[in-house]
Amino acid sequence: MLGDAIEDVQVSRAGHVWISYFDEGVYGRVMWGGEGESGPPAASGLLSTDAWGKILWRYRPPAEVGPIDDCYALNVSEYETWAYYYSDFPLVRIGPGGEIRVWRTGVAGARALAVDKGRRVLFFEGYWRRRSEGVLCDLGDGDLRSRREVTLLRPGGDPLERPDAIVGRGGILHAFDGPRWYQIDVDDLPD
């Protein structure tokens, strides 16, 4: 039993299952009780398990950011995990040993992200103007630099608006639009 209100599930190359939660799981205590390690699995907003569901790691926010209220985007790449969450919308990198690094983003409401070799990040489907726009940023020391909006286009030039599902894995954003599967590689986007 991995808890209520699961937002996303992704598996790392090492076989660790990463699970993020939305607010009803983070703040819900129905049938659970307890706090901390004995509390509901969803209370931390993000955790990792082994293949059998044994919890290996729970998110504990570092001092510079608040806790996860709702994990808006998760990206499990080859050797690291990236999370982006409400309410402060920080970008968080969890390294292979569980070490956490944080960036202040100034980007609100993105539902997916892709990270290019730890150098650039693309946020997609946020609170901004159109559903086909993303925000591409360079990763600085603790904040994002060179923020610019980009419009994601389908082959043929039509904007990619409201795909059925969109998921980031490493540097690639996967957009599922009806029977079509589009891949946008952050590395292919111009600087």
N, C-alpha and C. Protein backbone atom coordinates (compact mmCIF):
# COMPACT_ATOMS: atom_id res chain seq x y z
N MET A 1 0.85 -1.18 0.00
CA MET A 1 0.00 0.00 0.00
C MET A 1 0.89 1.23 0.00
N LEU A 2 0.81 2.02 -1.06
CA LEU A 2 1.69 3.17 -1.20
C LEU A 2 0.99 4.49 -0.90
N GLY A 3 -0.24 4.44 -0.42
CA GLY A 3 -0.91 5.65 0.00
C GLY A 3 -1.89 6.18 -1.01
N ASP A 4 -2.52 7.26 -0.62
CA ASP A 4 -3.57 7.90 -1.42
C ASP A 4 -3.01 9.03 -2.26
N ALA A 5 -3.72 9.36 -3.33
CA ALA A 5 -3.47 10.54 -4.15
C ALA A 5 -2.11 10.52 -4.84
N ILE A 6 -1.79 9.41 -5.47
CA ILE A 6 -0.54 9.31 -6.23
C ILE A 6 -0.65 10.17 -7.48
N GLU A 7 0.34 11.04 -7.68
CA GLU A 7 0.38 11.92 -8.85
C GLU A 7 1.14 11.27 -10.00
N ASP A 8 2.32 10.70 -9.70
CA ASP A 8 3.18 10.16 -10.74
C ASP A 8 4.00 9.01 -10.18
N VAL A 9 4.37 8.09 -11.04
CA VAL A 9 5.24 6.96 -10.69
C VAL A 9 6.25 6.80 -11.82
N GLN A 10 7.54 6.76 -11.47
CA GLN A 10 8.59 6.52 -12.45
C GLN A 10 9.63 5.61 -11.80
N VAL A 11 10.29 4.82 -12.61
CA VAL A 11 11.28 3.86 -12.11
C VAL A 11 12.66 4.24 -12.64
N SER A 12 13.65 4.19 -11.74
CA SER A 12 15.02 4.52 -12.13
C SER A 12 15.69 3.31 -12.77
N ARG A 13 16.81 3.55 -13.39
CA ARG A 13 17.59 2.48 -13.99
C ARG A 13 17.99 1.44 -12.94
N ALA A 14 18.22 1.88 -11.71
CA ALA A 14 18.60 0.98 -10.62
C ALA A 14 17.41 0.19 -10.07
N GLY A 15 16.20 0.47 -10.56
CA GLY A 15 15.01 -0.27 -10.13
C GLY A 15 14.28 0.36 -8.96
N HIS A 16 14.67 1.56 -8.56
CA HIS A 16 13.94 2.25 -7.49
C HIS A 16 12.68 2.89 -8.07
N VAL A 17 11.58 2.73 -7.36
CA VAL A 17 10.31 3.29 -7.78
C VAL A 17 10.13 4.63 -7.07
N TRP A 18 9.97 5.70 -7.85
CA TRP A 18 9.76 7.04 -7.31
C TRP A 18 8.29 7.38 -7.44
N ILE A 19 7.69 7.83 -6.35
CA ILE A 19 6.26 8.11 -6.31
C ILE A 19 6.05 9.53 -5.78
N SER A 20 5.31 10.34 -6.53
CA SER A 20 4.96 11.68 -6.06
C SER A 20 3.46 11.72 -5.79
N TYR A 21 3.06 12.68 -4.95
CA TYR A 21 1.68 12.77 -4.48
C TYR A 21 1.13 14.18 -4.63
N PHE A 22 -0.19 14.26 -4.80
CA PHE A 22 -0.83 15.57 -4.77
C PHE A 22 -1.41 15.83 -3.39
N ASP A 23 -1.95 17.01 -3.18
CA ASP A 23 -2.27 17.49 -1.84
C ASP A 23 -3.20 16.60 -1.02
N GLU A 24 -4.14 15.92 -1.64
CA GLU A 24 -5.05 15.07 -0.87
C GLU A 24 -4.31 13.92 -0.19
N GLY A 25 -3.23 13.47 -0.79
CA GLY A 25 -2.40 12.44 -0.15
C GLY A 25 -1.48 13.03 0.89
N VAL A 26 -0.88 14.18 0.57
CA VAL A 26 0.06 14.81 1.50
C VAL A 26 -0.63 15.17 2.80
N TYR A 27 -1.83 15.73 2.71
CA TYR A 27 -2.53 16.19 3.91
C TYR A 27 -3.61 15.24 4.40
N GLY A 28 -3.92 14.20 3.65
CA GLY A 28 -4.93 13.24 4.08
C GLY A 28 -4.38 12.31 5.14
N ARG A 29 -5.16 12.03 6.14
CA ARG A 29 -4.75 11.12 7.20
C ARG A 29 -5.77 10.00 7.39
N VAL A 30 -6.68 9.86 6.44
CA VAL A 30 -7.73 8.86 6.55
C VAL A 30 -7.10 7.48 6.65
N MET A 31 -7.47 6.72 7.63
CA MET A 31 -7.04 5.33 7.85
C MET A 31 -5.55 5.19 8.12
N TRP A 32 -4.82 6.27 8.39
CA TRP A 32 -3.39 6.12 8.58
C TRP A 32 -2.97 6.42 10.00
N GLY A 33 -3.01 7.67 10.40
CA GLY A 33 -2.49 8.04 11.72
C GLY A 33 -0.98 8.07 11.70
N GLY A 34 -0.42 8.53 12.79
CA GLY A 34 1.04 8.59 12.90
C GLY A 34 1.62 9.76 12.14
N GLU A 35 2.85 10.08 12.45
CA GLU A 35 3.59 11.15 11.79
C GLU A 35 4.97 10.63 11.40
N GLY A 36 5.66 11.38 10.56
CA GLY A 36 7.03 11.03 10.18
C GLY A 36 7.11 9.66 9.52
N GLU A 37 8.08 8.86 9.92
CA GLU A 37 8.30 7.54 9.30
C GLU A 37 7.13 6.59 9.50
N SER A 38 6.34 6.77 10.58
CA SER A 38 5.20 5.89 10.81
C SER A 38 3.91 6.43 10.21
N GLY A 39 3.98 7.62 9.63
CA GLY A 39 2.79 8.24 9.05
C GLY A 39 2.49 7.71 7.66
N PRO A 40 1.50 8.29 7.03
CA PRO A 40 1.12 7.86 5.69
C PRO A 40 2.28 7.99 4.70
N PRO A 41 2.42 7.07 3.77
CA PRO A 41 3.50 7.18 2.78
C PRO A 41 3.44 8.50 2.02
N ALA A 42 2.25 9.00 1.75
CA ALA A 42 2.09 10.21 0.94
C ALA A 42 2.45 11.50 1.67
N ALA A 43 2.58 11.47 2.98
CA ALA A 43 2.76 12.70 3.76
C ALA A 43 3.98 13.52 3.35
N SER A 44 5.03 12.88 2.87
CA SER A 44 6.23 13.62 2.47
C SER A 44 6.10 14.23 1.08
N GLY A 45 5.14 13.77 0.29
CA GLY A 45 4.94 14.28 -1.06
C GLY A 45 5.76 13.59 -2.12
N LEU A 46 6.85 12.93 -1.72
CA LEU A 46 7.74 12.23 -2.66
C LEU A 46 8.50 11.17 -1.89
N LEU A 47 8.55 9.98 -2.45
CA LEU A 47 9.33 8.92 -1.81
C LEU A 47 9.84 7.95 -2.86
N SER A 48 10.74 7.09 -2.42
CA SER A 48 11.30 6.06 -3.27
C SER A 48 11.16 4.72 -2.57
N THR A 49 10.82 3.69 -3.34
CA THR A 49 10.69 2.34 -2.78
C THR A 49 11.52 1.37 -3.60
N ASP A 50 11.68 0.17 -3.05
CA ASP A 50 12.27 -0.89 -3.86
C ASP A 50 11.14 -1.51 -4.70
N ALA A 51 11.46 -2.54 -5.46
CA ALA A 51 10.48 -3.16 -6.36
C ALA A 51 9.31 -3.81 -5.62
N TRP A 52 9.48 -4.06 -4.32
CA TRP A 52 8.43 -4.71 -3.53
C TRP A 52 7.64 -3.72 -2.70
N GLY A 53 7.93 -2.43 -2.85
CA GLY A 53 7.17 -1.40 -2.15
C GLY A 53 7.73 -0.99 -0.79
N LYS A 54 8.88 -1.50 -0.41
CA LYS A 54 9.50 -1.09 0.85
C LYS A 54 10.06 0.33 0.67
N ILE A 55 9.66 1.23 1.55
CA ILE A 55 10.10 2.63 1.44
C ILE A 55 11.59 2.72 1.76
N LEU A 56 12.35 3.28 0.81
CA LEU A 56 13.79 3.45 0.96
C LEU A 56 14.17 4.87 1.34
N TRP A 57 13.35 5.85 0.90
CA TRP A 57 13.69 7.26 1.07
C TRP A 57 12.43 8.09 1.06
N ARG A 58 12.34 9.08 1.95
CA ARG A 58 11.23 10.04 1.97
C ARG A 58 11.79 11.45 1.87
N TYR A 59 11.11 12.29 1.15
CA TYR A 59 11.55 13.68 0.99
C TYR A 59 11.42 14.43 2.31
N ARG A 60 12.49 15.12 2.66
CA ARG A 60 12.51 16.07 3.77
C ARG A 60 13.09 17.36 3.20
N PRO A 61 12.31 18.43 3.17
CA PRO A 61 12.79 19.64 2.51
C PRO A 61 13.99 20.25 3.25
N PRO A 62 14.97 20.72 2.48
CA PRO A 62 16.06 21.44 3.12
C PRO A 62 15.54 22.78 3.66
N ALA A 63 16.34 23.43 4.48
CA ALA A 63 15.92 24.64 5.18
C ALA A 63 15.47 25.76 4.24
N GLU A 64 16.03 25.84 3.04
CA GLU A 64 15.72 26.98 2.16
C GLU A 64 14.39 26.89 1.44
N VAL A 65 13.67 25.77 1.53
CA VAL A 65 12.36 25.64 0.88
C VAL A 65 11.37 24.98 1.83
N GLY A 66 10.09 25.19 1.52
CA GLY A 66 9.04 24.57 2.31
C GLY A 66 8.78 23.14 1.88
N PRO A 67 7.85 22.48 2.56
CA PRO A 67 7.52 21.10 2.22
C PRO A 67 6.71 21.01 0.93
N ILE A 68 6.57 19.81 0.44
CA ILE A 68 5.74 19.56 -0.75
C ILE A 68 4.28 19.60 -0.33
N ASP A 69 3.50 20.49 -0.95
CA ASP A 69 2.05 20.49 -0.79
C ASP A 69 1.41 19.64 -1.88
N ASP A 70 1.98 19.71 -3.08
CA ASP A 70 1.47 19.01 -4.24
C ASP A 70 2.63 18.92 -5.23
N CYS A 71 3.07 17.72 -5.57
CA CYS A 71 4.19 17.56 -6.49
C CYS A 71 3.67 17.67 -7.91
N TYR A 72 3.92 18.81 -8.56
CA TYR A 72 3.40 19.08 -9.89
C TYR A 72 4.13 18.30 -10.98
N ALA A 73 5.45 18.11 -10.84
CA ALA A 73 6.21 17.44 -11.90
C ALA A 73 7.32 16.59 -11.29
N LEU A 74 7.52 15.43 -11.88
CA LEU A 74 8.56 14.49 -11.47
C LEU A 74 9.31 14.06 -12.72
N ASN A 75 10.63 13.93 -12.59
CA ASN A 75 11.45 13.47 -13.70
C ASN A 75 12.55 12.59 -13.12
N VAL A 76 12.48 11.31 -13.42
CA VAL A 76 13.50 10.37 -12.96
C VAL A 76 14.41 10.10 -14.15
N SER A 77 15.64 10.61 -14.06
CA SER A 77 16.59 10.40 -15.14
C SER A 77 17.50 9.23 -14.77
N GLU A 78 18.55 9.05 -15.52
CA GLU A 78 19.40 7.89 -15.32
C GLU A 78 19.98 7.80 -13.91
N TYR A 79 20.50 8.91 -13.39
CA TYR A 79 21.18 8.86 -12.09
C TYR A 79 20.63 9.81 -11.05
N GLU A 80 19.59 10.56 -11.38
CA GLU A 80 19.06 11.53 -10.44
C GLU A 80 17.57 11.69 -10.64
N THR A 81 16.94 12.28 -9.64
CA THR A 81 15.50 12.53 -9.68
C THR A 81 15.27 14.01 -9.50
N TRP A 82 14.35 14.56 -10.29
CA TRP A 82 14.01 15.98 -10.23
C TRP A 82 12.55 16.10 -9.84
N ALA A 83 12.25 17.04 -8.95
CA ALA A 83 10.87 17.30 -8.54
C ALA A 83 10.63 18.81 -8.53
N TYR A 84 9.39 19.17 -8.75
CA TYR A 84 8.97 20.57 -8.82
C TYR A 84 7.61 20.62 -8.16
N TYR A 85 7.45 21.48 -7.16
CA TYR A 85 6.23 21.37 -6.38
C TYR A 85 5.66 22.69 -5.88
N TYR A 86 4.37 22.60 -5.58
CA TYR A 86 3.59 23.69 -5.00
C TYR A 86 3.90 23.72 -3.51
N SER A 87 4.08 24.82 -2.84
CA SER A 87 3.56 26.10 -3.21
C SER A 87 4.63 27.09 -3.63
N ASP A 88 5.88 26.84 -3.29
CA ASP A 88 6.94 27.77 -3.69
C ASP A 88 7.48 27.51 -5.09
N PHE A 89 7.17 26.36 -5.67
CA PHE A 89 7.64 25.92 -6.98
C PHE A 89 9.15 25.92 -7.12
N PRO A 90 9.87 25.32 -6.16
CA PRO A 90 11.31 25.14 -6.37
C PRO A 90 11.55 23.96 -7.30
N LEU A 91 12.71 23.93 -7.90
CA LEU A 91 13.18 22.76 -8.65
C LEU A 91 14.17 22.06 -7.73
N VAL A 92 13.95 20.79 -7.49
CA VAL A 92 14.76 20.03 -6.55
C VAL A 92 15.40 18.86 -7.27
N ARG A 93 16.70 18.70 -7.07
CA ARG A 93 17.43 17.55 -7.62
C ARG A 93 17.83 16.64 -6.46
N ILE A 94 17.46 15.36 -6.58
CA ILE A 94 17.85 14.36 -5.59
C ILE A 94 18.90 13.49 -6.25
N GLY A 95 20.11 13.53 -5.71
CA GLY A 95 21.21 12.76 -6.27
C GLY A 95 21.14 11.30 -5.88
N PRO A 96 22.05 10.48 -6.41
CA PRO A 96 22.02 9.04 -6.16
C PRO A 96 22.16 8.66 -4.69
N GLY A 97 22.79 9.50 -3.89
CA GLY A 97 22.93 9.23 -2.46
C GLY A 97 21.87 9.90 -1.61
N GLY A 98 20.86 10.50 -2.25
CA GLY A 98 19.79 11.19 -1.52
C GLY A 98 20.08 12.65 -1.23
N GLU A 99 21.25 13.15 -1.66
CA GLU A 99 21.56 14.56 -1.43
C GLU A 99 20.64 15.44 -2.27
N ILE A 100 20.26 16.58 -1.71
CA ILE A 100 19.27 17.46 -2.33
C ILE A 100 19.92 18.79 -2.69
N ARG A 101 19.61 19.25 -3.89
CA ARG A 101 20.02 20.59 -4.33
C ARG A 101 18.77 21.31 -4.81
N VAL A 102 18.69 22.62 -4.55
CA VAL A 102 17.48 23.39 -4.80
C VAL A 102 17.77 24.60 -5.69
N TRP A 103 16.83 24.89 -6.60
CA TRP A 103 16.85 26.10 -7.41
C TRP A 103 15.52 26.82 -7.22
N ARG A 104 15.57 28.10 -7.01
CA ARG A 104 14.35 28.94 -7.04
C ARG A 104 14.02 29.15 -8.51
N THR A 105 12.76 28.99 -8.89
CA THR A 105 12.44 29.01 -10.32
C THR A 105 11.76 30.28 -10.81
N GLY A 106 10.83 30.83 -10.05
CA GLY A 106 10.03 31.93 -10.56
C GLY A 106 9.06 31.48 -11.64
N VAL A 107 8.90 30.18 -11.81
CA VAL A 107 7.98 29.58 -12.79
C VAL A 107 6.87 28.91 -12.00
N ALA A 108 5.63 29.23 -12.31
CA ALA A 108 4.50 28.71 -11.54
C ALA A 108 3.64 27.75 -12.35
N GLY A 109 3.32 26.62 -11.76
CA GLY A 109 2.30 25.74 -12.27
C GLY A 109 2.66 24.77 -13.38
N ALA A 110 3.93 24.59 -13.70
CA ALA A 110 4.28 23.65 -14.77
C ALA A 110 3.89 22.23 -14.38
N ARG A 111 3.44 21.46 -15.35
CA ARG A 111 3.01 20.08 -15.11
C ARG A 111 4.01 19.03 -15.57
N ALA A 112 5.06 19.45 -16.25
CA ALA A 112 6.10 18.52 -16.69
C ALA A 112 7.40 19.28 -16.84
N LEU A 113 8.51 18.56 -16.71
CA LEU A 113 9.81 19.19 -16.90
C LEU A 113 10.79 18.17 -17.46
N ALA A 114 11.74 18.69 -18.22
CA ALA A 114 12.84 17.88 -18.75
C ALA A 114 14.13 18.64 -18.46
N VAL A 115 15.17 17.90 -18.07
CA VAL A 115 16.44 18.53 -17.68
C VAL A 115 17.55 17.97 -18.56
N ASP A 116 18.23 18.88 -19.25
CA ASP A 116 19.29 18.53 -20.18
C ASP A 116 20.63 18.48 -19.47
N LYS A 117 21.09 17.29 -19.12
CA LYS A 117 22.42 17.08 -18.55
C LYS A 117 22.72 18.02 -17.38
N GLY A 118 21.71 18.38 -16.61
CA GLY A 118 21.91 19.26 -15.47
C GLY A 118 22.31 20.67 -15.84
N ARG A 119 22.06 21.05 -17.10
CA ARG A 119 22.49 22.35 -17.62
C ARG A 119 21.31 23.26 -17.89
N ARG A 120 20.25 22.72 -18.51
CA ARG A 120 19.06 23.50 -18.84
C ARG A 120 17.82 22.71 -18.43
N VAL A 121 16.76 23.45 -18.14
CA VAL A 121 15.50 22.82 -17.78
C VAL A 121 14.38 23.44 -18.63
N LEU A 122 13.48 22.57 -19.08
CA LEU A 122 12.30 23.00 -19.83
C LEU A 122 11.07 22.67 -19.00
N PHE A 123 10.31 23.70 -18.65
CA PHE A 123 9.04 23.52 -17.95
C PHE A 123 7.93 23.62 -18.98
N PHE A 124 6.88 22.79 -18.84
CA PHE A 124 5.79 22.81 -19.82
C PHE A 124 4.44 22.78 -19.11
N GLU A 125 3.47 23.44 -19.74
CA GLU A 125 2.07 23.45 -19.35
C GLU A 125 1.88 24.06 -17.96
N GLY A 126 2.19 25.33 -17.84
CA GLY A 126 2.06 26.03 -16.57
C GLY A 126 0.93 27.02 -16.55
N TYR A 127 1.03 27.97 -15.62
CA TYR A 127 -0.01 28.98 -15.43
C TYR A 127 0.07 30.12 -16.43
N TRP A 128 1.00 30.04 -17.39
CA TRP A 128 1.16 31.18 -18.30
C TRP A 128 0.17 31.13 -19.46
N ARG A 129 0.38 31.96 -20.46
CA ARG A 129 -0.61 32.27 -21.49
C ARG A 129 -1.21 31.08 -22.24
N ARG A 130 -0.42 30.39 -23.04
CA ARG A 130 -0.97 29.35 -23.93
C ARG A 130 -0.46 27.98 -23.53
N ARG A 131 -1.24 26.96 -23.82
CA ARG A 131 -0.90 25.59 -23.46
C ARG A 131 0.22 25.00 -24.29
N SER A 132 0.64 25.65 -25.34
CA SER A 132 1.73 25.13 -26.17
C SER A 132 3.07 25.74 -25.79
N GLU A 133 3.07 26.59 -24.77
CA GLU A 133 4.30 27.27 -24.40
C GLU A 133 5.01 26.57 -23.25
N GLY A 134 6.31 26.61 -23.34
CA GLY A 134 7.16 26.14 -22.26
C GLY A 134 8.10 27.26 -21.87
N VAL A 135 8.79 27.05 -20.77
CA VAL A 135 9.79 28.00 -20.31
C VAL A 135 11.11 27.26 -20.24
N LEU A 136 12.11 27.76 -20.97
CA LEU A 136 13.44 27.15 -21.01
C LEU A 136 14.39 28.03 -20.21
N CYS A 137 15.13 27.42 -19.29
CA CYS A 137 16.03 28.18 -18.41
C CYS A 137 17.36 27.45 -18.27
N ASP A 138 18.40 28.22 -18.01
CA ASP A 138 19.70 27.67 -17.64
C ASP A 138 19.72 27.51 -16.13
N LEU A 139 20.34 26.44 -15.66
CA LEU A 139 20.46 26.24 -14.22
C LEU A 139 21.65 27.04 -13.71
N GLY A 140 21.40 27.96 -12.78
CA GLY A 140 22.46 28.73 -12.15
C GLY A 140 22.87 28.07 -10.85
N ASP A 141 23.46 28.84 -9.94
CA ASP A 141 23.92 28.29 -8.67
C ASP A 141 22.78 28.00 -7.71
N GLY A 142 21.76 28.81 -7.68
CA GLY A 142 20.62 28.58 -6.81
C GLY A 142 19.35 29.11 -7.40
N ASP A 143 19.46 29.63 -8.62
CA ASP A 143 18.30 30.16 -9.32
C ASP A 143 18.44 29.82 -10.80
N LEU A 144 17.42 30.21 -11.56
CA LEU A 144 17.42 29.94 -12.99
C LEU A 144 17.79 31.20 -13.75
N ARG A 145 18.53 31.03 -14.84
CA ARG A 145 18.98 32.17 -15.65
C ARG A 145 18.46 32.04 -17.07
N SER A 146 18.56 33.12 -17.80
CA SER A 146 18.21 33.16 -19.23
C SER A 146 16.84 32.56 -19.49
N ARG A 147 15.89 32.94 -18.70
CA ARG A 147 14.53 32.44 -18.85
C ARG A 147 13.93 32.95 -20.15
N ARG A 148 13.40 32.02 -20.96
CA ARG A 148 12.71 32.45 -22.18
C ARG A 148 11.59 31.48 -22.51
N GLU A 149 10.53 32.02 -23.05
CA GLU A 149 9.39 31.20 -23.44
C GLU A 149 9.66 30.59 -24.81
N VAL A 150 9.24 29.35 -24.96
CA VAL A 150 9.36 28.66 -26.25
C VAL A 150 7.99 28.06 -26.57
N THR A 151 7.67 28.02 -27.85
CA THR A 151 6.43 27.38 -28.28
C THR A 151 6.78 26.02 -28.86
N LEU A 152 6.16 25.00 -28.34
CA LEU A 152 6.42 23.64 -28.80
C LEU A 152 5.47 23.34 -29.97
N LEU A 153 6.06 22.90 -31.07
CA LEU A 153 5.30 22.67 -32.30
C LEU A 153 5.31 21.19 -32.68
N ARG A 154 4.21 20.76 -33.26
CA ARG A 154 4.14 19.42 -33.85
C ARG A 154 4.89 19.46 -35.18
N PRO A 155 5.26 18.30 -35.71
CA PRO A 155 5.80 18.30 -37.07
C PRO A 155 4.74 18.91 -38.00
N GLY A 156 5.12 19.83 -38.83
CA GLY A 156 4.17 20.53 -39.69
C GLY A 156 3.90 21.94 -39.20
N GLY A 157 4.28 22.25 -37.95
CA GLY A 157 4.20 23.62 -37.47
C GLY A 157 3.04 23.99 -36.58
N ASP A 158 2.06 23.09 -36.37
CA ASP A 158 0.95 23.41 -35.47
C ASP A 158 1.42 23.35 -34.02
N PRO A 159 0.93 24.27 -33.16
CA PRO A 159 1.31 24.23 -31.75
C PRO A 159 0.85 22.94 -31.07
N LEU A 160 1.67 22.44 -30.18
CA LEU A 160 1.33 21.26 -29.37
C LEU A 160 0.51 21.77 -28.19
N GLU A 161 -0.81 21.68 -28.32
CA GLU A 161 -1.69 22.19 -27.27
C GLU A 161 -2.47 21.06 -26.63
N ARG A 162 -2.50 21.10 -25.31
CA ARG A 162 -3.29 20.16 -24.50
C ARG A 162 -3.09 18.69 -24.90
N PRO A 163 -1.87 18.18 -24.81
CA PRO A 163 -1.70 16.76 -25.07
C PRO A 163 -2.43 15.95 -23.99
N ASP A 164 -2.77 14.71 -24.31
CA ASP A 164 -3.48 13.86 -23.36
C ASP A 164 -2.64 13.62 -22.11
N ALA A 165 -1.34 13.47 -22.30
CA ALA A 165 -0.41 13.28 -21.17
C ALA A 165 0.95 13.81 -21.59
N ILE A 166 1.70 14.31 -20.61
CA ILE A 166 3.05 14.78 -20.89
C ILE A 166 3.93 14.42 -19.70
N VAL A 167 5.08 13.82 -20.01
CA VAL A 167 5.97 13.30 -18.98
C VAL A 167 7.41 13.62 -19.35
N GLY A 168 8.19 14.05 -18.38
CA GLY A 168 9.61 14.27 -18.59
C GLY A 168 10.42 13.11 -18.07
N ARG A 169 11.37 12.64 -18.87
CA ARG A 169 12.33 11.61 -18.45
C ARG A 169 13.69 12.08 -18.92
N GLY A 170 14.56 12.44 -17.97
CA GLY A 170 15.85 12.98 -18.35
C GLY A 170 15.66 14.26 -19.14
N GLY A 171 16.34 14.37 -20.28
CA GLY A 171 16.27 15.55 -21.11
C GLY A 171 15.16 15.53 -22.13
N ILE A 172 14.29 14.55 -22.08
CA ILE A 172 13.24 14.42 -23.10
C ILE A 172 11.86 14.58 -22.48
N LEU A 173 11.05 15.43 -23.14
CA LEU A 173 9.65 15.60 -22.78
C LEU A 173 8.85 14.71 -23.73
N HIS A 174 8.06 13.81 -23.19
CA HIS A 174 7.23 12.90 -23.97
C HIS A 174 5.80 13.41 -23.93
N ALA A 175 5.23 13.72 -25.08
CA ALA A 175 3.87 14.22 -25.17
C ALA A 175 3.02 13.19 -25.92
N PHE A 176 1.96 12.75 -25.29
CA PHE A 176 1.05 11.77 -25.88
C PHE A 176 -0.22 12.51 -26.27
N ASP A 177 -0.49 12.51 -27.58
CA ASP A 177 -1.58 13.29 -28.14
C ASP A 177 -2.41 12.36 -29.02
N GLY A 178 -3.46 11.77 -28.43
CA GLY A 178 -4.23 10.76 -29.16
C GLY A 178 -3.32 9.59 -29.48
N PRO A 179 -3.29 9.14 -30.73
CA PRO A 179 -2.43 8.01 -31.09
C PRO A 179 -0.97 8.41 -31.33
N ARG A 180 -0.67 9.69 -31.21
CA ARG A 180 0.69 10.16 -31.53
C ARG A 180 1.52 10.36 -30.26
N TRP A 181 2.82 10.06 -30.40
CA TRP A 181 3.77 10.22 -29.30
C TRP A 181 4.89 11.11 -29.80
N TYR A 182 4.96 12.32 -29.24
CA TYR A 182 6.00 13.28 -29.62
C TYR A 182 7.08 13.30 -28.55
N GLN A 183 8.32 13.49 -28.99
CA GLN A 183 9.43 13.63 -28.06
C GLN A 183 10.15 14.93 -28.35
N ILE A 184 10.33 15.72 -27.31
CA ILE A 184 11.04 16.99 -27.43
C ILE A 184 12.30 16.87 -26.59
N ASP A 185 13.45 16.91 -27.23
CA ASP A 185 14.72 16.78 -26.53
C ASP A 185 15.25 18.18 -26.22
N VAL A 186 15.46 18.47 -24.95
CA VAL A 186 15.94 19.79 -24.54
C VAL A 186 17.28 20.10 -25.19
N ASP A 187 18.09 19.09 -25.40
CA ASP A 187 19.39 19.27 -26.02
C ASP A 187 19.27 19.80 -27.45
N ASP A 188 18.15 19.53 -28.13
CA ASP A 188 17.93 19.99 -29.50
C ASP A 188 17.41 21.42 -29.57
N LEU A 189 17.01 22.00 -28.46
CA LEU A 189 16.48 23.37 -28.47
C LEU A 189 17.65 24.35 -28.53
N PRO A 190 17.53 25.38 -29.34
CA PRO A 190 18.64 26.35 -29.45
C PRO A 190 18.86 27.11 -28.15
N ASP A 191 20.12 27.52 -27.95
CA ASP A 191 20.46 28.31 -26.74
C ASP A 191 19.90 29.70 -26.85
